Each structure stands twice: as C-alpha cells, then as structure tokens.
Amino acid sequence: MRAVRRRRDERGAAATTFVVGMTVVLLACAGLVVDGGGALNARMKLADEVEQAARAGAQMIDETQLRENGVVRLNELAAEQRALEYLRERGHPNPYADAGLTSIVVTSDDMVEPTLLSLIAVPPFDIHATATAEAETQ
C-alpha cells in the first residue's frame, strides 16, 4: 500500500509543476499580447506627435526672405522652438529638433512600462520616432 501512495504523491507533484509552468507560459503570452500591443500603440502615438511637431516647425517660414526674394526658407530658430514646444506640451521631456534652410527633423524618445510582463521582470520598452517636414507655400 505504501508504494501506491508514493506514486500518487509523485503524480500530484508532477501535475502541480505542470500547472505552475503552464500558468507562467500563459502569463507570458498574455503579457506579450497586452504589453506588446500597448508598446505598438504608444509607438504610433509618438510617431504621430513627432510628425505634427515637424509640421508645426515647418510652418515657421522666414517671411522677410519670402517677400523680398521669393525664397522659401525656414526661420531655423523659430522652427526648432515651435517643434520642441509642441512636443513638450504633450509631455515629451527631451525632444530634439534640427532645422535647416528648407526642412526640419524632429526626434523624440519615450518609455513604456509593461504591466503583465513586469511580473516576470521584463524591463520597460524604449520607443523612438523621427519625422521630417519641408517648408512650402502654395
């Protein structure tokens, strides 16, 4: 009878190990779906905001050059300031903007904290977006 009891005890331990293992795997899969989707959504939102900041900066045309010479040029300092202001208003603490004569490049980084994956020690996701806009008149 003792031999039979030992076998049942061992099968219970194996089943418990299997259930615990499967729980971890299912949690990781759910975390990939939830946190991965959240990171993709945050990346798309950041890209949209960076594009809008570049457009806002590209609107800062040097009006004097346009009126006197008919040349479309950016007021570089005003373009950079407008793009950076746009992103800071939306909560991006360290954006970067670089304006040239006719275009502006805007870059921003962000971090997305995982919710489910943080339970298994996955670090935050770093996301990055860059956009370029050109000055035009029509």
C-alpha atoms as a PDB file:
ATOM      1  CA  MET A   1       0.000   0.000   0.000  1.00  0.00           C
ATOM      2  CA  ARG A   2       2.833   2.444   0.703  1.00  0.00           C
ATOM      3  CA  ALA A   3       4.163   2.004  -2.832  1.00  0.00           C
ATOM      4  CA  VAL A   4       0.794   3.017  -4.252  1.00  0.00           C
ATOM      5  CA  ARG A   5       0.607   6.111  -2.055  1.00  0.00           C
ATOM      6  CA  ARG A   6       4.060   7.235  -3.122  1.00  0.00           C
ATOM      7  CA  ARG A   7       3.120   7.003  -6.781  1.00  0.00           C
ATOM      8  CA  ARG A   8       0.053   9.142  -6.256  1.00  0.00           C
ATOM      9  CA  ASP A   9       2.110  11.716  -4.352  1.00  0.00           C
ATOM     10  CA  GLU A  10       4.597  11.882  -7.210  1.00  0.00           C
ATOM     11  CA  ARG A  11       1.870  12.280  -9.804  1.00  0.00           C
ATOM     12  CA  GLY A  12       0.382  15.145  -7.827  1.00  0.00           C
ATOM     13  CA  ALA A  13       3.763  16.877  -7.698  1.00  0.00           C
ATOM     14  CA  ALA A  14       4.170  16.446 -11.443  1.00  0.00           C
ATOM     15  CA  ALA A  15       0.706  17.842 -12.062  1.00  0.00           C
ATOM     16  CA  THR A  16       1.390  20.819  -9.789  1.00  0.00           C
ATOM     17  CA  THR A  17       4.660  21.511 -11.581  1.00  0.00           C
ATOM     18  CA  PHE A  18       2.884  21.314 -14.932  1.00  0.00           C
ATOM     19  CA  VAL A  19       0.110  23.694 -13.838  1.00  0.00           C
ATOM     20  CA  VAL A  20       2.602  26.201 -12.421  1.00  0.00           C
ATOM     21  CA  GLY A  21       4.696  26.008 -15.597  1.00  0.00           C
ATOM     22  CA  MET A  22       1.689  26.455 -17.854  1.00  0.00           C
ATOM     23  CA  THR A  23       0.498  29.406 -15.760  1.00  0.00           C
ATOM     24  CA  VAL A  24       3.831  31.160 -16.270  1.00  0.00           C
ATOM     25  CA  VAL A  25       3.756  30.436 -20.017  1.00  0.00           C
ATOM     26  CA  LEU A  26       0.174  31.693 -20.372  1.00  0.00           C
ATOM     27  CA  LEU A  27       1.005  34.804 -18.343  1.00  0.00           C
ATOM     28  CA  ALA A  28       3.978  35.480 -20.612  1.00  0.00           C
ATOM     29  CA  CYS A  29       1.808  35.027 -23.736  1.00  0.00           C
ATOM     30  CA  ALA A  30      -0.880  37.319 -22.360  1.00  0.00           C
ATOM     31  CA  GLY A  31       1.821  39.828 -21.434  1.00  0.00           C
ATOM     32  CA  LEU A  32       3.210  39.772 -24.969  1.00  0.00           C
ATOM     33  CA  VAL A  33      -0.232  40.482 -26.375  1.00  0.00           C
ATOM     34  CA  VAL A  34      -1.218  43.176 -23.862  1.00  0.00           C
ATOM     35  CA  ASP A  35       2.141  44.873 -23.337  1.00  0.00           C
ATOM     36  CA  GLY A  36       3.322  44.385 -26.920  1.00  0.00           C
ATOM     37  CA  GLY A  37       0.101  45.908 -28.203  1.00  0.00           C
ATOM     38  CA  GLY A  38       0.445  48.769 -25.749  1.00  0.00           C
ATOM     39  CA  ALA A  39       4.020  49.410 -26.890  1.00  0.00           C
ATOM     40  CA  LEU A  40       2.966  49.406 -30.552  1.00  0.00           C
ATOM     41  CA  ASN A  41       0.120  51.807 -29.775  1.00  0.00           C
ATOM     42  CA  ALA A  42       2.465  54.113 -27.855  1.00  0.00           C
ATOM     43  CA  ARG A  43       4.964  54.000 -30.749  1.00  0.00           C
ATOM     44  CA  MET A  44       2.267  55.007 -33.253  1.00  0.00           C
ATOM     45  CA  LYS A  45       1.089  57.829 -30.991  1.00  0.00           C
ATOM     46  CA  LEU A  46       4.666  59.081 -30.559  1.00  0.00           C
ATOM     47  CA  ALA A  47       5.223  58.948 -34.329  1.00  0.00           C
ATOM     48  CA  ASP A  48       2.027  60.951 -34.907  1.00  0.00           C
ATOM     49  CA  GLU A  49       3.036  63.593 -32.372  1.00  0.00           C
ATOM     50  CA  VAL A  50       6.563  63.876 -33.794  1.00  0.00           C
ATOM     51  CA  GLU A  51       5.123  64.290 -37.311  1.00  0.00           C
ATOM     52  CA  GLN A  52       2.782  67.021 -36.090  1.00  0.00           C
ATOM     53  CA  ALA A  53       5.672  68.772 -34.334  1.00  0.00           C
ATOM     54  CA  ALA A  54       7.710  68.688 -37.559  1.00  0.00           C
ATOM     55  CA  ARG A  55       4.768  70.174 -39.473  1.00  0.00           C
ATOM     56  CA  ALA A  56       4.350  72.883 -36.832  1.00  0.00           C
ATOM     57  CA  GLY A  57       8.044  73.726 -37.125  1.00  0.00           C
ATOM     58  CA  ALA A  58       7.928  73.750 -40.929  1.00  0.00           C
ATOM     59  CA  GLN A  59       5.298  76.491 -40.768  1.00  0.00           C
ATOM     60  CA  MET A  60       7.839  78.921 -39.317  1.00  0.00           C
ATOM     61  CA  ILE A  61       8.843  80.408 -42.683  1.00  0.00           C
ATOM     62  CA  ASP A  62      11.162  83.388 -42.855  1.00  0.00           C
ATOM     63  CA  GLU A  63       8.611  85.892 -44.176  1.00  0.00           C
ATOM     64  CA  THR A  64      11.210  88.553 -44.973  1.00  0.00           C
ATOM     65  CA  GLN A  65      13.078  86.241 -47.355  1.00  0.00           C
ATOM     66  CA  LEU A  66       9.817  85.116 -48.922  1.00  0.00           C
ATOM     67  CA  ARG A  67       8.548  88.670 -49.542  1.00  0.00           C
ATOM     68  CA  GLU A  68      11.825  90.216 -50.646  1.00  0.00           C
ATOM     69  CA  ASN A  69      13.343  87.381 -52.675  1.00  0.00           C
ATOM     70  CA  GLY A  70      10.523  84.881 -53.216  1.00  0.00           C
ATOM     71  CA  VAL A  71      12.664  82.242 -51.488  1.00  0.00           C
ATOM     72  CA  VAL A  72      11.026  79.748 -49.151  1.00  0.00           C
ATOM     73  CA  ARG A  73      13.317  79.390 -46.144  1.00  0.00           C
ATOM     74  CA  LEU A  74      12.719  78.438 -42.555  1.00  0.00           C
ATOM     75  CA  ASN A  75      13.364  80.720 -39.668  1.00  0.00           C
ATOM     76  CA  GLU A  76      15.538  77.985 -38.177  1.00  0.00           C
ATOM     77  CA  LEU A  77      15.436  79.083 -34.557  1.00  0.00           C
ATOM     78  CA  ALA A  78      11.662  79.698 -34.561  1.00  0.00           C
ATOM     79  CA  ALA A  79      11.050  76.359 -36.323  1.00  0.00           C
ATOM     80  CA  GLU A  80      13.064  74.426 -33.759  1.00  0.00           C
ATOM     81  CA  GLN A  81      11.441  76.246 -30.846  1.00  0.00           C
ATOM     82  CA  ARG A  82       7.919  75.641 -32.190  1.00  0.00           C
ATOM     83  CA  ALA A  83       8.541  71.925 -32.742  1.00  0.00           C
ATOM     84  CA  LEU A  84      10.067  71.483 -29.289  1.00  0.00           C
ATOM     85  CA  GLU A  85       7.267  73.468 -27.664  1.00  0.00           C
ATOM     86  CA  TYR A  86       4.671  71.287 -29.399  1.00  0.00           C
ATOM     87  CA  LEU A  87       6.213  68.089 -28.032  1.00  0.00           C
ATOM     88  CA  ARG A  88       6.807  69.442 -24.543  1.00  0.00           C
ATOM     89  CA  GLU A  89       3.142  70.461 -24.338  1.00  0.00           C
ATOM     90  CA  ARG A  90       2.311  66.803 -24.928  1.00  0.00           C
ATOM     91  CA  GLY A  91       4.572  65.544 -22.168  1.00  0.00           C
ATOM     92  CA  HIS A  92       7.775  64.630 -24.010  1.00  0.00           C
ATOM     93  CA  PRO A  93      10.566  65.893 -21.754  1.00  0.00           C
ATOM     94  CA  ASN A  94      13.593  65.605 -24.082  1.00  0.00           C
ATOM     95  CA  PRO A  95      12.665  66.096 -27.750  1.00  0.00           C
ATOM     96  CA  TYR A  96      15.235  67.106 -30.347  1.00  0.00           C
ATOM     97  CA  ALA A  97      14.750  69.334 -33.404  1.00  0.00           C
ATOM     98  CA  ASP A  98      17.214  70.321 -36.113  1.00  0.00           C
ATOM     99  CA  ALA A  99      16.083  72.858 -38.701  1.00  0.00           C
ATOM    100  CA  GLY A 100      17.892  73.548 -41.942  1.00  0.00           C
ATOM    101  CA  LEU A 101      17.169  76.088 -44.655  1.00  0.00           C
ATOM    102  CA  THR A 102      14.119  74.278 -46.018  1.00  0.00           C
ATOM    103  CA  SER A 103      13.343  71.366 -43.700  1.00  0.00           C
ATOM    104  CA  ILE A 104      13.204  70.325 -40.071  1.00  0.00           C
ATOM    105  CA  VAL A 105      13.935  66.964 -38.469  1.00  0.00           C
ATOM    106  CA  VAL A 106      12.257  66.206 -35.145  1.00  0.00           C
ATOM    107  CA  THR A 107      13.060  63.270 -32.881  1.00  0.00           C
ATOM    108  CA  SER A 108      11.669  62.066 -29.568  1.00  0.00           C
ATOM    109  CA  ASP A 109      12.067  59.041 -27.323  1.00  0.00           C
ATOM    110  CA  ASP A 110       9.744  57.576 -24.744  1.00  0.00           C
ATOM    111  CA  MET A 111       9.486  54.607 -22.427  1.00  0.00           C
ATOM    112  CA  VAL A 112       6.533  52.253 -21.985  1.00  0.00           C
ATOM    113  CA  GLU A 113       6.184  50.418 -18.687  1.00  0.00           C
ATOM    114  CA  PRO A 114       4.920  46.840 -19.103  1.00  0.00           C
ATOM    115  CA  THR A 115       2.034  45.748 -16.913  1.00  0.00           C
ATOM    116  CA  LEU A 116       1.831  41.960 -17.131  1.00  0.00           C
ATOM    117  CA  LEU A 117       5.409  41.377 -18.254  1.00  0.00           C
ATOM    118  CA  SER A 118       6.701  43.351 -15.278  1.00  0.00           C
ATOM    119  CA  LEU A 119       5.593  40.380 -13.164  1.00  0.00           C
ATOM    120  CA  ILE A 120       8.333  38.322 -14.809  1.00  0.00           C
ATOM    121  CA  ALA A 121      10.937  41.122 -14.645  1.00  0.00           C
ATOM    122  CA  VAL A 122      10.729  42.422 -18.235  1.00  0.00           C
ATOM    123  CA  PRO A 123      12.214  45.943 -18.366  1.00  0.00           C
ATOM    124  CA  PRO A 124      10.380  48.933 -19.884  1.00  0.00           C
ATOM    125  CA  PHE A 125      10.206  49.255 -23.671  1.00  0.00           C
ATOM    126  CA  ASP A 126      12.122  52.127 -25.270  1.00  0.00           C
ATOM    127  CA  ILE A 127      10.369  53.689 -28.249  1.00  0.00           C
ATOM    128  CA  HIS A 128      11.724  56.213 -30.737  1.00  0.00           C
ATOM    129  CA  ALA A 129      10.272  58.292 -33.567  1.00  0.00           C
ATOM    130  CA  THR A 130      11.728  60.702 -36.122  1.00  0.00           C
ATOM    131  CA  ALA A 131       9.950  62.851 -38.707  1.00  0.00           C
ATOM    132  CA  THR A 132      10.983  65.373 -41.335  1.00  0.00           C
ATOM    133  CA  ALA A 133       8.888  68.184 -42.802  1.00  0.00           C
ATOM    134  CA  GLU A 134       9.714  70.664 -45.535  1.00  0.00           C
ATOM    135  CA  ALA A 135       8.706  74.300 -45.768  1.00  0.00           C
ATOM    136  CA  GLU A 136       6.347  75.050 -48.657  1.00  0.00           C
ATOM    137  CA  THR A 137       3.986  77.741 -49.802  1.00  0.00           C
ATOM    138  CA  GLN A 138       1.026  77.205 -52.092  1.00  0.00           C
END
